Amino acid sequence: MHLAARATADGTPNALAVARAELRARGVDVLDLTDSNPTRHGLTHPGVLEAVRRATSRAGRYAPDPRGPVVAREALAARFGGGPDDYFLTASTSEAYGWLLTLLADPGETVAIPAPGYPLVEPLARLAAVRTTEYPLHYVHPYGWSTDTTALARVAARDEVRGVVVVNPGNPTGAYVADDERAPLVEAARAGGAALVSDEVFGPFHLDGRPRTLAGEERVPTFALDGLSKLLCAPQLKLGWVRVSGPHDEAAAAVAALETIADTYLSVGAPVALALPDLLALADDAVAATRERLVGNLATARALLDDGGWRVRRCEGGWTVLVDAPRWRPDDELALHLLREAHLSVHPGWFYDLPTPGALALSLLPEPAAFAEGCRRLRAAVDALGA
């Protein structure tokens, strides 16, 4: 049997995975500051499952709609703007990416992605037989991150580039698209004949920054992604959505083609889709509770890791904070040392293609006591290397 190259990946575990497995086999507890699964940290709104249970009684008759039930899309439009026909429901944000890669690029064509960034779009693009190319983000302390819009314009102008992916706010950068970046970003895509794909799943979780959105952008074809996995801390519900906007004729053509793709899959389950109006009614409380956790843990990181050669980078929003440790070792070696010696799991910066050595990424989701203990272990273990 032949397996397509795009469906197979190198399954060799990296050194961190090997060390983690060895510790697990020995029964050693590891304090995990990489975990971004909110269901393991008590953050899923308690009303979520009850809302789906109530909707299940209305899901007995199958009435497929490629875009998703109109009652769900009306609820999205009421909360986020636009009209019901601007929205498509998907089984996840990852599926939404897959649909958009199919929509925008033929096999062998390219989409531009930000660097540094979370390694999600590359494997999804590989499955769609689409290439990726990077445009750079730069960090200046303490001001934060910025998009190199000049470099982006050069990338978007290439004939094979069909889409520009923006993660807003970024993961792990935590940076929203700045007000003075929006027009150059839109113009780069428009001039290059590319569409914008804006991943906005972390949008409501603003910390140091003011939330900004590209959803509803009218000057260039724009596809804004969001979903329940972050909004309600409920990844197990498997529901996301895409909002389509842009110049009228281009948006209409995109909607028609996207409907063909959606009709081919019909992947959204009726119970969660029909429950969406009730689920969205829980969103404000859910976001407030999660933001309280994030804000508190970010304050802890700054209190414990922001002096004496340590630096906590500016974090405008999202679920991750970046910390620059004293550069006694490269970040990959440092993360391995922390795992083996302090039984602490953190992500090294190379995981996200961060260009600076010594950068570590910490999840802000863990319970406050565990997060504080992790920061103390991190500080003690690294400082001991330089003693």
Protein backbone atom coordinates (compact mmCIF):
# COMPACT_ATOMS: atom_id res chain seq x y z
CA MET A 1 0.00 0.00 0.00
CA HIS A 2 1.25 3.46 -0.89
CA LEU A 3 0.78 6.24 1.66
CA ALA A 4 0.78 9.80 0.38
CA ALA A 5 3.80 11.77 1.53
CA ARG A 6 1.59 14.60 2.74
CA ALA A 7 -0.25 12.21 5.08
CA THR A 8 2.87 10.86 6.75
CA ALA A 9 5.18 12.68 9.12
CA ASP A 10 8.38 11.93 10.95
CA GLY A 11 7.17 10.20 14.09
CA THR A 12 10.55 10.25 15.81
CA PRO A 13 10.00 11.73 19.29
CA ASN A 14 12.16 14.70 20.20
CA ALA A 15 14.41 14.74 23.25
CA LEU A 16 11.76 16.42 25.40
CA ALA A 17 9.16 13.79 24.55
CA VAL A 18 11.64 11.00 25.30
CA ALA A 19 12.58 12.53 28.65
CA ARG A 20 8.94 13.06 29.55
CA ALA A 21 8.15 9.41 28.77
CA GLU A 22 11.09 8.25 30.89
CA LEU A 23 9.88 10.28 33.86
CA ARG A 24 6.34 8.97 33.42
CA ALA A 25 7.62 5.40 33.37
CA ARG A 26 9.40 6.04 36.67
CA GLY A 27 6.26 7.49 38.20
CA VAL A 28 7.72 10.99 38.50
CA ASP A 29 5.16 13.80 38.61
CA VAL A 30 5.95 16.63 36.21
CA LEU A 31 4.59 20.13 36.75
CA ASP A 32 3.31 21.02 33.29
CA LEU A 33 3.43 24.67 32.24
CA THR A 34 2.84 23.77 28.60
CA ASP A 35 -0.74 22.54 29.04
CA SER A 36 -3.28 24.57 27.07
CA ASN A 37 -6.22 22.20 27.61
CA PRO A 38 -8.72 24.25 29.66
CA THR A 39 -10.79 21.19 30.59
CA ARG A 40 -7.90 20.07 32.81
CA HIS A 41 -7.86 23.35 34.72
CA GLY A 42 -11.47 23.84 35.75
CA LEU A 43 -12.16 26.58 33.23
CA THR A 44 -15.00 25.10 31.15
CA HIS A 45 -18.23 26.95 31.95
CA PRO A 46 -20.49 24.69 34.06
CA GLY A 47 -23.53 25.43 31.87
CA VAL A 48 -21.97 24.19 28.64
CA LEU A 49 -22.95 20.53 28.79
CA GLU A 50 -26.46 21.31 30.02
CA ALA A 51 -27.01 23.64 27.04
CA VAL A 52 -26.00 20.86 24.64
CA ARG A 53 -28.17 18.34 26.49
CA ARG A 54 -31.22 20.58 26.08
CA ALA A 55 -30.53 21.02 22.38
CA THR A 56 -30.20 17.28 21.79
CA SER A 57 -33.97 16.85 22.03
CA ARG A 58 -34.32 19.17 19.01
CA ALA A 59 -31.80 17.26 16.90
CA GLY A 60 -33.89 14.20 16.10
CA ARG A 61 -34.71 15.25 12.55
CA TYR A 62 -31.75 15.75 10.19
CA ALA A 63 -32.05 18.98 8.20
CA PRO A 64 -28.61 19.53 6.64
CA ASP A 65 -27.52 23.07 5.82
CA PRO A 66 -23.98 23.46 4.45
CA ARG A 67 -23.51 26.68 6.39
CA GLY A 68 -24.96 25.32 9.63
CA PRO A 69 -28.43 25.85 11.16
CA VAL A 70 -29.73 29.34 10.55
CA VAL A 71 -30.60 29.75 14.24
CA ALA A 72 -26.91 29.27 15.06
CA ARG A 73 -25.76 31.71 12.40
CA GLU A 74 -28.29 34.30 13.53
CA ALA A 75 -26.85 34.04 17.03
CA LEU A 76 -23.33 34.55 15.68
CA ALA A 77 -24.39 37.60 13.67
CA ALA A 78 -26.15 39.08 16.70
CA ARG A 79 -23.03 38.72 18.83
CA PHE A 80 -20.21 39.41 16.37
CA GLY A 81 -21.79 41.46 13.58
CA GLY A 82 -22.53 40.90 9.92
CA GLY A 83 -25.45 38.80 8.72
CA PRO A 84 -26.30 35.11 9.14
CA ASP A 85 -25.28 34.38 5.56
CA ASP A 86 -21.74 35.61 6.28
CA TYR A 87 -21.07 32.64 8.60
CA PHE A 88 -20.13 29.01 8.08
CA LEU A 89 -20.04 26.55 10.97
CA THR A 90 -17.21 24.03 11.10
CA ALA A 91 -16.30 21.15 13.39
CA SER A 92 -13.16 23.00 14.54
CA THR A 93 -10.89 25.89 13.71
CA SER A 94 -8.45 23.39 12.20
CA GLU A 95 -11.18 22.21 9.85
CA ALA A 96 -11.91 25.83 8.97
CA TYR A 97 -8.26 26.29 8.03
CA GLY A 98 -8.44 23.16 5.89
CA TRP A 99 -11.50 24.41 4.04
CA LEU A 100 -9.90 27.80 3.42
CA LEU A 101 -6.67 26.26 2.15
CA THR A 102 -8.78 24.25 -0.30
CA LEU A 103 -10.77 27.36 -1.22
CA LEU A 104 -7.86 29.72 -1.81
CA ALA A 105 -4.93 27.68 -3.11
CA ASP A 106 -4.45 25.00 -5.73
CA PRO A 107 -1.92 22.25 -4.97
CA GLY A 108 1.59 23.68 -4.99
CA GLU A 109 0.48 27.25 -4.36
CA THR A 110 1.35 29.12 -1.18
CA VAL A 111 -0.07 30.88 1.86
CA ALA A 112 1.96 33.28 4.00
CA ILE A 113 2.12 32.68 7.75
CA PRO A 114 3.60 34.72 10.62
CA ALA A 115 6.90 33.77 12.25
CA PRO A 116 7.22 33.16 15.11
CA GLY A 117 3.96 31.28 15.49
CA TYR A 118 2.26 28.12 16.67
CA PRO A 119 3.02 25.15 14.36
CA LEU A 120 -0.53 24.46 13.18
CA VAL A 121 -0.94 25.90 9.68
CA GLU A 122 2.08 24.09 8.22
CA PRO A 123 0.74 20.54 8.80
CA LEU A 124 -2.74 21.56 7.69
CA ALA A 125 -1.27 23.08 4.53
CA ARG A 126 0.76 19.93 3.89
CA LEU A 127 -2.42 17.84 4.03
CA ALA A 128 -3.98 20.21 1.48
CA ALA A 129 -0.86 20.00 -0.75
CA VAL A 130 -0.31 23.72 -0.21
CA ARG A 131 3.02 25.35 0.61
CA THR A 132 3.71 27.91 3.33
CA THR A 133 6.09 30.84 3.43
CA GLU A 134 6.83 33.08 6.39
CA TYR A 135 6.68 36.80 7.03
CA PRO A 136 8.47 38.13 10.13
CA LEU A 137 7.26 39.55 13.40
CA HIS A 138 9.75 41.57 15.48
CA TYR A 139 9.94 42.17 19.22
CA VAL A 140 11.29 45.30 20.94
CA HIS A 141 11.12 45.37 24.72
CA PRO A 142 9.06 46.73 26.43
CA TYR A 143 6.92 47.94 23.53
CA GLY A 144 5.96 44.56 22.17
CA TRP A 145 5.63 42.87 18.80
CA SER A 146 5.18 44.39 15.36
CA THR A 147 4.51 42.97 11.92
CA ASP A 148 7.16 43.65 9.30
CA THR A 149 4.63 45.01 6.83
CA THR A 150 7.32 45.81 4.24
CA ALA A 151 8.47 42.20 4.20
CA LEU A 152 4.86 41.04 4.16
CA ALA A 153 4.11 43.18 1.11
CA ARG A 154 7.02 41.54 -0.73
CA VAL A 155 5.77 38.08 0.21
CA ALA A 156 2.15 38.81 -0.71
CA ALA A 157 3.23 40.18 -4.11
CA ARG A 158 4.60 36.80 -5.18
CA ASP A 159 2.44 35.20 -7.86
CA GLU A 160 2.01 31.90 -6.01
CA VAL A 161 0.84 33.44 -2.70
CA ARG A 162 -2.95 33.12 -2.41
CA GLY A 163 -3.57 33.92 1.24
CA VAL A 164 -2.07 35.77 4.19
CA VAL A 165 -2.68 34.19 7.59
CA VAL A 166 -2.86 36.52 10.59
CA VAL A 167 -3.18 35.23 14.15
CA ASN A 168 -4.86 37.98 16.15
CA PRO A 169 -3.69 38.00 18.90
CA GLY A 170 -0.68 35.88 18.07
CA ASN A 171 0.24 32.59 19.65
CA PRO A 172 2.66 32.69 21.43
CA THR A 173 3.41 36.38 20.85
CA GLY A 174 0.16 37.61 22.39
CA ALA A 175 0.16 40.60 20.01
CA TYR A 176 -2.95 42.05 18.37
CA VAL A 177 -2.72 43.65 14.94
CA ALA A 178 -1.87 47.26 15.78
CA ASP A 179 -4.02 50.10 14.50
CA ASP A 180 -1.19 51.38 12.28
CA GLU A 181 -0.58 47.89 10.87
CA ARG A 182 -4.09 47.23 9.63
CA ALA A 183 -4.03 49.41 6.51
CA PRO A 184 -0.60 48.16 5.31
CA LEU A 185 -1.68 44.58 6.01
CA VAL A 186 -4.88 44.98 4.01
CA GLU A 187 -3.07 46.78 1.19
CA ALA A 188 -0.38 44.08 0.99
CA ALA A 189 -3.03 41.40 0.56
CA ARG A 190 -5.14 43.48 -1.84
CA ALA A 191 -2.20 44.48 -4.05
CA GLY A 192 -0.99 40.90 -4.21
CA GLY A 193 -4.42 39.49 -5.00
CA ALA A 194 -4.36 37.45 -1.79
CA ALA A 195 -7.08 36.92 0.80
CA LEU A 196 -6.73 37.51 4.54
CA VAL A 197 -7.29 34.64 6.95
CA SER A 198 -7.52 36.00 10.50
CA ASP A 199 -7.41 33.46 13.33
CA GLU A 200 -9.18 35.25 16.20
CA VAL A 201 -9.75 32.44 18.68
CA PHE A 202 -7.80 34.25 21.42
CA GLY A 203 -9.39 37.62 20.63
CA PRO A 204 -11.53 38.07 23.79
CA PHE A 205 -8.63 37.33 26.15
CA HIS A 206 -6.98 40.74 26.24
CA LEU A 207 -4.36 41.32 28.95
CA ASP A 208 -1.96 44.22 28.33
CA GLY A 209 -3.60 45.25 25.10
CA ARG A 210 -6.87 46.46 23.64
CA PRO A 211 -8.68 43.78 21.61
CA ARG A 212 -8.82 44.40 17.87
CA THR A 213 -10.42 42.35 15.13
CA LEU A 214 -10.13 41.98 11.38
CA ALA A 215 -13.55 40.32 11.18
CA GLY A 216 -15.82 42.20 8.81
CA GLU A 217 -12.97 43.86 6.89
CA GLU A 218 -14.46 45.06 3.60
CA ARG A 219 -11.45 46.16 1.53
CA VAL A 220 -10.05 42.71 0.82
CA PRO A 221 -11.56 39.19 0.96
CA THR A 222 -11.31 38.28 4.64
CA PHE A 223 -12.07 35.08 6.53
CA ALA A 224 -12.20 35.42 10.33
CA LEU A 225 -11.94 32.21 12.37
CA ASP A 226 -13.26 31.63 15.88
CA GLY A 227 -14.80 28.85 17.94
CA LEU A 228 -15.95 27.41 21.24
CA SER A 229 -12.66 25.73 22.13
CA LYS A 230 -11.31 29.04 23.42
CA LEU A 231 -14.42 31.20 23.83
CA LEU A 232 -16.04 28.78 26.29
CA CYS A 233 -12.93 26.73 27.11
CA ALA A 234 -14.82 23.83 25.56
CA PRO A 235 -12.66 22.12 22.91
CA GLN A 236 -14.61 18.90 23.40
CA LEU A 237 -17.73 20.45 21.83
CA LYS A 238 -16.00 20.68 18.43
CA LEU A 239 -17.59 23.79 16.95
CA GLY A 240 -15.94 26.65 15.12
CA TRP A 241 -16.99 29.16 12.51
CA VAL A 242 -15.78 31.34 9.66
CA ARG A 243 -17.06 34.84 8.96
CA VAL A 244 -16.68 35.95 5.34
CA SER A 245 -16.36 39.60 4.33
CA GLY A 246 -14.77 41.72 1.62
CA PRO A 247 -15.68 43.47 -1.63
CA HIS A 248 -19.16 42.35 -2.63
CA ASP A 249 -18.43 40.35 -5.77
CA GLU A 250 -15.36 38.62 -4.36
CA ALA A 251 -17.10 37.80 -1.09
CA ALA A 252 -20.12 36.41 -2.95
CA ALA A 253 -17.89 34.19 -5.09
CA ALA A 254 -16.05 32.99 -1.98
CA VAL A 255 -19.31 32.20 -0.20
CA ALA A 256 -20.58 30.16 -3.15
CA ALA A 257 -17.37 28.14 -3.38
CA LEU A 258 -17.15 27.70 0.38
CA GLU A 259 -20.72 26.40 0.41
CA THR A 260 -19.67 23.70 -2.07
CA ILE A 261 -16.83 22.65 0.23
CA ALA A 262 -19.05 22.71 3.31
CA ASP A 263 -21.77 20.72 1.54
CA THR A 264 -19.21 18.06 0.66
CA TYR A 265 -18.30 17.48 4.31
CA LEU A 266 -21.41 18.38 6.37
CA SER A 267 -19.29 17.76 9.45
CA VAL A 268 -21.01 19.83 12.15
CA GLY A 269 -23.10 17.90 14.67
CA ALA A 270 -26.67 19.09 15.15
CA PRO A 271 -26.80 19.15 18.99
CA VAL A 272 -23.91 21.55 19.49
CA ALA A 273 -24.95 23.70 16.52
CA LEU A 274 -28.53 24.02 17.78
CA ALA A 275 -27.20 24.79 21.25
CA LEU A 276 -25.07 27.67 19.98
CA PRO A 277 -27.50 30.49 20.91
CA ASP A 278 -27.58 29.26 24.51
CA LEU A 279 -23.84 28.64 24.52
CA LEU A 280 -23.08 32.16 23.32
CA ALA A 281 -25.22 33.50 26.16
CA LEU A 282 -22.62 31.98 28.52
CA ALA A 283 -19.65 33.53 26.73
CA ASP A 284 -19.29 36.76 28.71
CA ASP A 285 -19.14 34.93 32.04
CA ALA A 286 -16.82 32.28 30.62
CA VAL A 287 -14.40 34.82 29.18
CA ALA A 288 -14.40 36.84 32.40
CA ALA A 289 -13.52 33.78 34.47
CA THR A 290 -10.74 32.73 32.11
CA ARG A 291 -9.32 36.26 31.91
CA GLU A 292 -9.20 36.39 35.71
CA ARG A 293 -6.98 33.29 35.66
CA LEU A 294 -4.80 34.66 32.86
CA VAL A 295 -4.37 38.09 34.43
CA GLY A 296 -3.49 36.60 37.80
CA ASN A 297 -0.91 34.21 36.39
CA LEU A 298 0.64 36.91 34.22
CA ALA A 299 1.04 39.07 37.35
CA THR A 300 2.69 36.12 39.09
CA ALA A 301 5.12 35.65 36.21
CA ARG A 302 6.08 39.31 36.40
CA ALA A 303 6.52 39.18 40.15
CA LEU A 304 8.79 36.12 40.02
CA LEU A 305 10.49 36.26 36.62
CA ASP A 306 11.03 39.89 35.62
CA ASP A 307 14.30 41.00 37.24
CA GLY A 308 17.91 40.00 37.71
CA GLY A 309 18.57 39.01 34.10
CA TRP A 310 15.05 37.65 33.57
CA ARG A 311 12.45 39.30 31.38
CA VAL A 312 8.73 38.74 30.87
CA ARG A 313 7.77 39.92 27.41
CA ARG A 314 4.80 42.14 26.80
CA CYS A 315 1.66 40.06 26.37
CA GLU A 316 -1.38 41.87 24.97
CA GLY A 317 -3.64 38.83 24.94
CA GLY A 318 -3.95 35.08 24.67
CA TRP A 319 -3.12 32.10 26.85
CA THR A 320 0.70 32.10 26.69
CA VAL A 321 3.46 34.30 28.09
CA LEU A 322 7.02 34.40 26.78
CA VAL A 323 9.87 34.61 29.27
CA ASP A 324 13.50 35.35 28.46
CA ALA A 325 15.76 33.45 30.84
CA PRO A 326 19.45 34.20 31.44
CA ARG A 327 21.24 32.62 28.49
CA TRP A 328 23.27 29.99 30.29
CA ARG A 329 22.13 27.42 27.74
CA PRO A 330 20.18 27.36 24.45
CA ASP A 331 16.45 27.17 25.05
CA ASP A 332 16.13 23.57 23.84
CA GLU A 333 18.86 22.40 26.22
CA LEU A 334 17.40 24.54 28.98
CA ALA A 335 13.93 23.04 28.59
CA LEU A 336 15.42 19.55 28.73
CA HIS A 337 17.41 20.45 31.85
CA LEU A 338 14.28 21.81 33.53
CA LEU A 339 12.37 18.64 32.74
CA ARG A 340 15.05 16.28 34.00
CA GLU A 341 16.27 18.22 37.04
CA ALA A 342 13.27 20.31 38.17
CA HIS A 343 10.52 18.04 36.81
CA LEU A 344 9.08 21.09 35.10
CA SER A 345 7.76 21.12 31.53
CA VAL A 346 7.97 24.34 29.49
CA HIS A 347 8.10 24.95 25.76
CA PRO A 348 11.43 26.13 24.36
CA GLY A 349 11.29 29.05 21.96
CA TRP A 350 12.38 26.95 19.00
CA PHE A 351 9.00 25.21 19.14
CA TYR A 352 7.54 28.47 17.76
CA ASP A 353 10.55 29.51 15.64
CA LEU A 354 11.46 32.28 18.07
CA PRO A 355 14.79 33.71 16.86
CA THR A 356 16.21 34.59 20.29
CA PRO A 357 17.97 31.96 22.43
CA GLY A 358 16.82 31.46 25.99
CA ALA A 359 13.14 32.19 25.30
CA LEU A 360 10.60 29.95 27.02
CA ALA A 361 6.81 29.78 26.60
CA LEU A 362 4.56 29.23 29.61
CA SER A 363 0.84 28.46 29.54
CA LEU A 364 -1.18 30.89 31.66
CA LEU A 365 -4.01 28.37 32.18
CA PRO A 366 -2.81 26.29 35.17
CA GLU A 367 -4.26 26.78 38.64
CA PRO A 368 -2.59 29.79 40.34
CA ALA A 369 -0.76 27.77 43.01
CA ALA A 370 0.66 25.37 40.41
CA PHE A 371 1.66 28.22 38.11
CA ALA A 372 3.45 30.05 40.93
CA GLU A 373 5.26 26.86 41.95
CA GLY A 374 6.31 26.35 38.35
CA CYS A 375 7.72 29.88 38.13
CA ARG A 376 9.67 29.35 41.35
CA ARG A 377 11.09 26.05 40.10
CA LEU A 378 12.02 27.66 36.82
CA ARG A 379 13.80 30.55 38.51
CA ALA A 380 15.69 28.37 40.97
CA ALA A 381 16.82 25.82 38.39
CA VAL A 382 18.06 28.38 35.88
CA ASP A 383 19.72 30.65 38.45
CA ALA A 384 21.57 27.61 39.81
CA LEU A 385 23.17 27.12 36.39
CA GLY A 386 24.82 30.53 36.65
CA ALA A 387 25.88 30.26 40.27
